[in-house]
Amino acid sequence: MYSTDDFKELSALHKAILAAKFSGRAINDELAGDPTLAGVSDKIYEELGKIAEKKKIGPAEYWEDWRRVKTSQGFRGQWRTAVIAARRDPVFRNSGTEDRMSMAKCYLSPFTCTEGELRAFLDDADGKTGEHNLEKLAKEQNFSGATLLECSCELAGGAHVVLMLKTSKVCDIFFSGLKKFEITSKNSMGAAAIDTVERLALSGGKTNRLEAALTDGRNKKTIVIEADSADYWI
């Protein structure tokens, strides 16, 4: 049986678990909410805290604050990526409130949170927070020159678009009840290409639609997404 009390080894293992749990990628959803991994992550953190206290590695307040969940984190923050994973989980969506609260703890582990924050997590996962009017978003924000950080289609029938505006604000748009997801490019675009928005149109109503024209400086790409509903954070 493997056993260690080496701070560096435990820290590296802990970082690897966090990287997998909070990757935001559908391929890691099984790990994101797995109760066994959540328990292991909690134990590793607790052991790290004991070693840190014994060896006086930083004040206790630092470790307590580090473990507190940060609900205001933006793109790629642990809260947001946990919400994304929960949204894709049919068991989470169809369970009762108490079971969903327990599952939320697993998604957020090893970070600690209050009961109110757990209920806020459920609301986020259900799309009850954020804004839903894409036409309002189009009027309030200028997407010209924005950088495309992510555009993905999910097997569960959703899509996720992340754009960084020229003001450095990040806009997450989630689509549910996907009707159309189409990306076209006249030329093959390199993996390292940075796509910027030349034109972006958003519309709501019975069908929520995003249509964007992008370029990496040489090649052009178009994205068309249509879905029953949409919500966003910025």
Protein backbone atom coordinates (compact mmCIF):
# COMPACT_ATOMS: atom_id res chain seq x y z
CA MET A 1 0.00 0.00 0.00
CA TYR A 2 1.32 3.42 -0.98
CA SER A 3 1.82 5.83 1.91
CA THR A 4 3.59 9.16 2.16
CA ASP A 5 3.81 12.18 4.41
CA ASP A 6 5.98 14.12 1.96
CA PHE A 7 4.42 17.55 1.49
CA LYS A 8 5.67 17.94 -2.10
CA GLU A 9 4.36 14.53 -3.16
CA LEU A 10 0.94 15.13 -1.61
CA SER A 11 0.79 18.62 -3.08
CA ALA A 12 1.58 17.31 -6.57
CA LEU A 13 -1.06 14.58 -6.23
CA HIS A 14 -3.59 17.11 -4.99
CA LYS A 15 -2.91 19.44 -7.92
CA ALA A 16 -3.33 16.55 -10.36
CA ILE A 17 -6.71 15.66 -8.86
CA LEU A 18 -7.87 19.29 -9.00
CA ALA A 19 -6.73 19.56 -12.63
CA ALA A 20 -8.87 16.53 -13.52
CA LYS A 21 -11.91 17.46 -11.39
CA PHE A 22 -12.06 21.07 -12.55
CA SER A 23 -10.93 20.78 -16.18
CA GLY A 24 -14.36 21.82 -17.48
CA ARG A 25 -14.13 19.14 -20.17
CA ALA A 26 -16.92 16.60 -20.68
CA ILE A 27 -14.36 13.79 -20.90
CA ASN A 28 -13.58 14.35 -17.20
CA ASP A 29 -17.19 14.63 -15.98
CA GLU A 30 -17.01 11.16 -14.44
CA LEU A 31 -14.20 12.39 -12.22
CA ALA A 32 -15.73 15.80 -11.51
CA GLY A 33 -18.56 14.49 -9.35
CA ASP A 34 -17.22 11.09 -8.33
CA PRO A 35 -17.84 10.63 -4.56
CA THR A 36 -14.82 8.35 -4.11
CA LEU A 37 -12.46 10.86 -5.70
CA ALA A 38 -14.11 13.64 -3.69
CA GLY A 39 -13.36 11.72 -0.49
CA VAL A 40 -9.76 11.08 -1.53
CA SER A 41 -9.33 14.76 -2.36
CA ASP A 42 -10.66 15.75 1.07
CA LYS A 43 -8.29 13.35 2.82
CA ILE A 44 -5.26 14.58 0.87
CA TYR A 45 -6.08 18.20 1.68
CA GLU A 46 -6.55 17.38 5.37
CA GLU A 47 -3.18 15.62 5.44
CA LEU A 48 -1.57 18.58 3.70
CA GLY A 49 -3.02 20.86 6.36
CA LYS A 50 -1.61 18.70 9.18
CA ILE A 51 1.87 18.65 7.61
CA ALA A 52 1.73 22.39 6.91
CA GLU A 53 0.82 23.07 10.56
CA LYS A 54 3.56 20.76 11.84
CA LYS A 55 6.23 22.24 9.59
CA LYS A 56 4.83 25.77 9.88
CA ILE A 57 4.31 26.10 6.10
CA GLY A 58 2.22 29.27 6.01
CA PRO A 59 -0.33 30.46 8.59
CA ALA A 60 -3.44 28.37 9.33
CA GLU A 61 -5.62 31.20 8.04
CA TYR A 62 -4.06 30.81 4.59
CA TRP A 63 -5.02 27.14 4.32
CA GLU A 64 -8.53 27.76 5.64
CA ASP A 65 -9.08 30.56 3.12
CA TRP A 66 -7.58 28.49 0.31
CA ARG A 67 -10.11 25.76 0.92
CA ARG A 68 -13.13 28.08 0.97
CA VAL A 69 -15.02 27.89 -2.32
CA LYS A 70 -14.82 31.07 -4.45
CA THR A 71 -18.25 31.57 -6.01
CA SER A 72 -17.20 34.68 -7.94
CA GLN A 73 -14.47 33.04 -10.01
CA GLY A 74 -14.89 33.55 -13.73
CA PHE A 75 -13.91 31.44 -16.70
CA ARG A 76 -12.14 28.24 -15.61
CA GLY A 77 -12.75 28.93 -11.91
CA GLN A 78 -13.60 25.84 -9.85
CA TRP A 79 -17.18 26.96 -9.17
CA ARG A 80 -17.96 27.59 -12.83
CA THR A 81 -16.40 24.37 -14.12
CA ALA A 82 -18.19 22.34 -11.43
CA VAL A 83 -21.50 23.92 -12.49
CA ILE A 84 -20.79 23.05 -16.13
CA ALA A 85 -20.13 19.41 -15.23
CA ALA A 86 -23.29 19.21 -13.09
CA ARG A 87 -25.36 20.61 -15.95
CA ARG A 88 -24.27 17.71 -18.12
CA ASP A 89 -25.11 15.09 -15.48
CA PRO A 90 -28.59 13.56 -16.05
CA VAL A 91 -28.55 11.90 -12.60
CA PHE A 92 -27.88 15.28 -10.96
CA ARG A 93 -30.65 16.96 -12.96
CA ASN A 94 -33.25 14.32 -12.13
CA SER A 95 -32.48 13.78 -8.42
CA GLY A 96 -34.25 15.27 -5.41
CA THR A 97 -32.98 18.35 -3.61
CA GLU A 98 -31.19 16.56 -0.76
CA ASP A 99 -29.43 14.15 -3.11
CA ARG A 100 -28.44 17.07 -5.35
CA MET A 101 -26.99 18.89 -2.32
CA SER A 102 -24.83 15.85 -1.53
CA MET A 103 -23.76 15.58 -5.15
CA ALA A 104 -22.92 19.30 -5.21
CA LYS A 105 -20.52 18.74 -2.30
CA CYS A 106 -18.75 16.09 -4.39
CA TYR A 107 -18.49 18.40 -7.38
CA LEU A 108 -16.98 21.15 -5.21
CA SER A 109 -14.71 18.93 -3.09
CA PRO A 110 -12.20 19.59 -1.55
CA PHE A 111 -13.50 23.14 -1.23
CA THR A 112 -15.77 23.93 1.70
CA CYS A 113 -19.04 25.83 1.33
CA THR A 114 -22.14 26.82 3.25
CA GLU A 115 -25.62 25.37 2.77
CA GLY A 116 -26.61 28.65 1.10
CA GLU A 117 -23.76 28.29 -1.38
CA LEU A 118 -24.81 24.70 -2.11
CA ARG A 119 -28.33 25.90 -2.90
CA ALA A 120 -26.83 28.63 -5.10
CA PHE A 121 -24.90 25.87 -6.89
CA LEU A 122 -28.19 24.08 -7.63
CA ASP A 123 -29.66 27.31 -9.00
CA ASP A 124 -26.60 27.87 -11.20
CA ALA A 125 -26.76 24.31 -12.50
CA ASP A 126 -30.47 24.78 -13.28
CA GLY A 127 -29.80 28.00 -15.20
CA LYS A 128 -31.73 30.12 -12.70
CA THR A 129 -28.91 32.62 -12.36
CA GLY A 130 -27.18 34.74 -14.95
CA GLU A 131 -29.00 36.44 -17.80
CA HIS A 132 -31.07 34.79 -20.52
CA ASN A 133 -31.87 37.53 -23.05
CA LEU A 134 -29.32 37.28 -25.88
CA GLU A 135 -30.70 40.38 -27.60
CA LYS A 136 -30.02 42.36 -24.42
CA LEU A 137 -26.47 40.95 -24.39
CA ALA A 138 -25.91 42.05 -27.99
CA LYS A 139 -27.08 45.59 -27.18
CA GLU A 140 -25.00 45.95 -24.02
CA GLN A 141 -21.70 44.49 -25.23
CA ASN A 142 -19.46 45.12 -28.23
CA PHE A 143 -18.12 41.78 -29.47
CA SER A 144 -16.11 43.21 -32.37
CA GLY A 145 -12.51 42.11 -31.95
CA ALA A 146 -13.37 39.69 -29.13
CA THR A 147 -11.24 36.54 -28.83
CA LEU A 148 -12.85 33.10 -28.99
CA LEU A 149 -11.62 31.11 -25.97
CA GLU A 150 -13.88 28.09 -26.37
CA CYS A 151 -16.64 26.73 -28.57
CA SER A 152 -17.87 23.22 -27.80
CA CYS A 153 -20.85 20.97 -28.46
CA GLU A 154 -21.96 18.49 -25.81
CA LEU A 155 -23.52 15.04 -26.25
CA ALA A 156 -26.20 16.03 -23.73
CA GLY A 157 -27.62 18.50 -26.26
CA GLY A 158 -25.91 21.69 -25.18
CA ALA A 159 -23.22 24.05 -26.40
CA HIS A 160 -20.79 26.41 -24.68
CA VAL A 161 -19.18 29.52 -26.14
CA VAL A 162 -16.63 31.63 -24.27
CA LEU A 163 -15.50 35.00 -25.59
CA MET A 164 -13.00 37.48 -24.18
CA LEU A 165 -13.97 41.04 -25.03
CA LYS A 166 -11.42 43.73 -25.84
CA THR A 167 -12.14 45.12 -22.36
CA SER A 168 -10.79 41.80 -20.97
CA LYS A 169 -14.25 40.81 -19.70
CA VAL A 170 -15.10 37.14 -20.30
CA CYS A 171 -18.58 36.16 -21.51
CA ASP A 172 -19.80 32.57 -21.00
CA ILE A 173 -22.84 31.61 -23.09
CA PHE A 174 -24.57 28.27 -22.49
CA PHE A 175 -27.09 26.82 -24.94
CA SER A 176 -29.57 24.07 -23.98
CA GLY A 177 -31.89 22.07 -26.21
CA LEU A 178 -29.51 22.30 -29.15
CA LYS A 179 -31.13 22.45 -32.58
CA LYS A 180 -28.11 23.34 -34.69
CA PHE A 181 -24.35 23.49 -34.20
CA GLU A 182 -22.31 24.30 -37.27
CA ILE A 183 -18.70 25.42 -37.74
CA THR A 184 -17.40 26.04 -41.25
CA SER A 185 -13.99 27.17 -42.46
CA LYS A 186 -12.79 27.89 -45.98
CA ASN A 187 -9.31 26.72 -45.05
CA SER A 188 -7.96 24.43 -42.34
CA MET A 189 -7.07 26.50 -39.30
CA GLY A 190 -4.06 25.61 -37.19
CA ALA A 191 -4.48 24.43 -33.62
CA ALA A 192 -2.55 27.44 -32.37
CA ALA A 193 -4.65 29.94 -34.33
CA ILE A 194 -6.32 32.70 -32.30
CA ASP A 195 -9.79 33.44 -33.65
CA THR A 196 -11.13 36.98 -33.29
CA VAL A 197 -14.68 38.14 -33.95
CA GLU A 198 -15.35 40.19 -37.07
CA ARG A 199 -19.12 40.04 -36.68
CA LEU A 200 -21.45 38.46 -34.13
CA ALA A 201 -25.26 38.41 -34.16
CA LEU A 202 -27.39 37.21 -31.25
CA SER A 203 -31.15 36.71 -31.21
CA GLY A 204 -33.66 35.22 -28.76
CA GLY A 205 -37.30 34.23 -28.63
CA LYS A 206 -38.52 30.72 -29.46
CA THR A 207 -35.12 29.99 -30.93
CA ASN A 208 -31.92 31.37 -29.43
CA ARG A 209 -29.34 31.89 -32.14
CA LEU A 210 -25.67 32.86 -32.35
CA GLU A 211 -24.04 33.55 -35.68
CA ALA A 212 -20.41 34.64 -35.72
CA ALA A 213 -17.81 35.39 -38.37
CA LEU A 214 -14.22 35.00 -37.13
CA THR A 215 -10.72 35.23 -38.49
CA ASP A 216 -7.23 34.25 -37.37
CA GLY A 217 -5.69 36.91 -39.64
CA ARG A 218 -5.51 34.70 -42.72
CA ASN A 219 -8.42 32.28 -42.63
CA LYS A 220 -12.08 32.82 -41.89
CA LYS A 221 -14.54 30.73 -39.90
CA THR A 222 -18.27 30.92 -39.25
CA ILE A 223 -20.17 29.53 -36.28
CA VAL A 224 -23.94 29.04 -36.16
CA ILE A 225 -25.71 27.78 -33.03
CA GLU A 226 -29.46 27.45 -32.51
CA ALA A 227 -31.06 26.21 -29.30
CA ASP A 228 -34.26 26.27 -27.25
CA SER A 229 -32.75 28.29 -24.44
CA ALA A 230 -29.61 30.19 -23.50
CA ASP A 231 -28.11 31.85 -20.45
CA TYR A 232 -24.90 33.74 -19.90
CA TRP A 233 -22.53 35.30 -17.39
CA ILE A 234 -20.21 38.20 -18.03
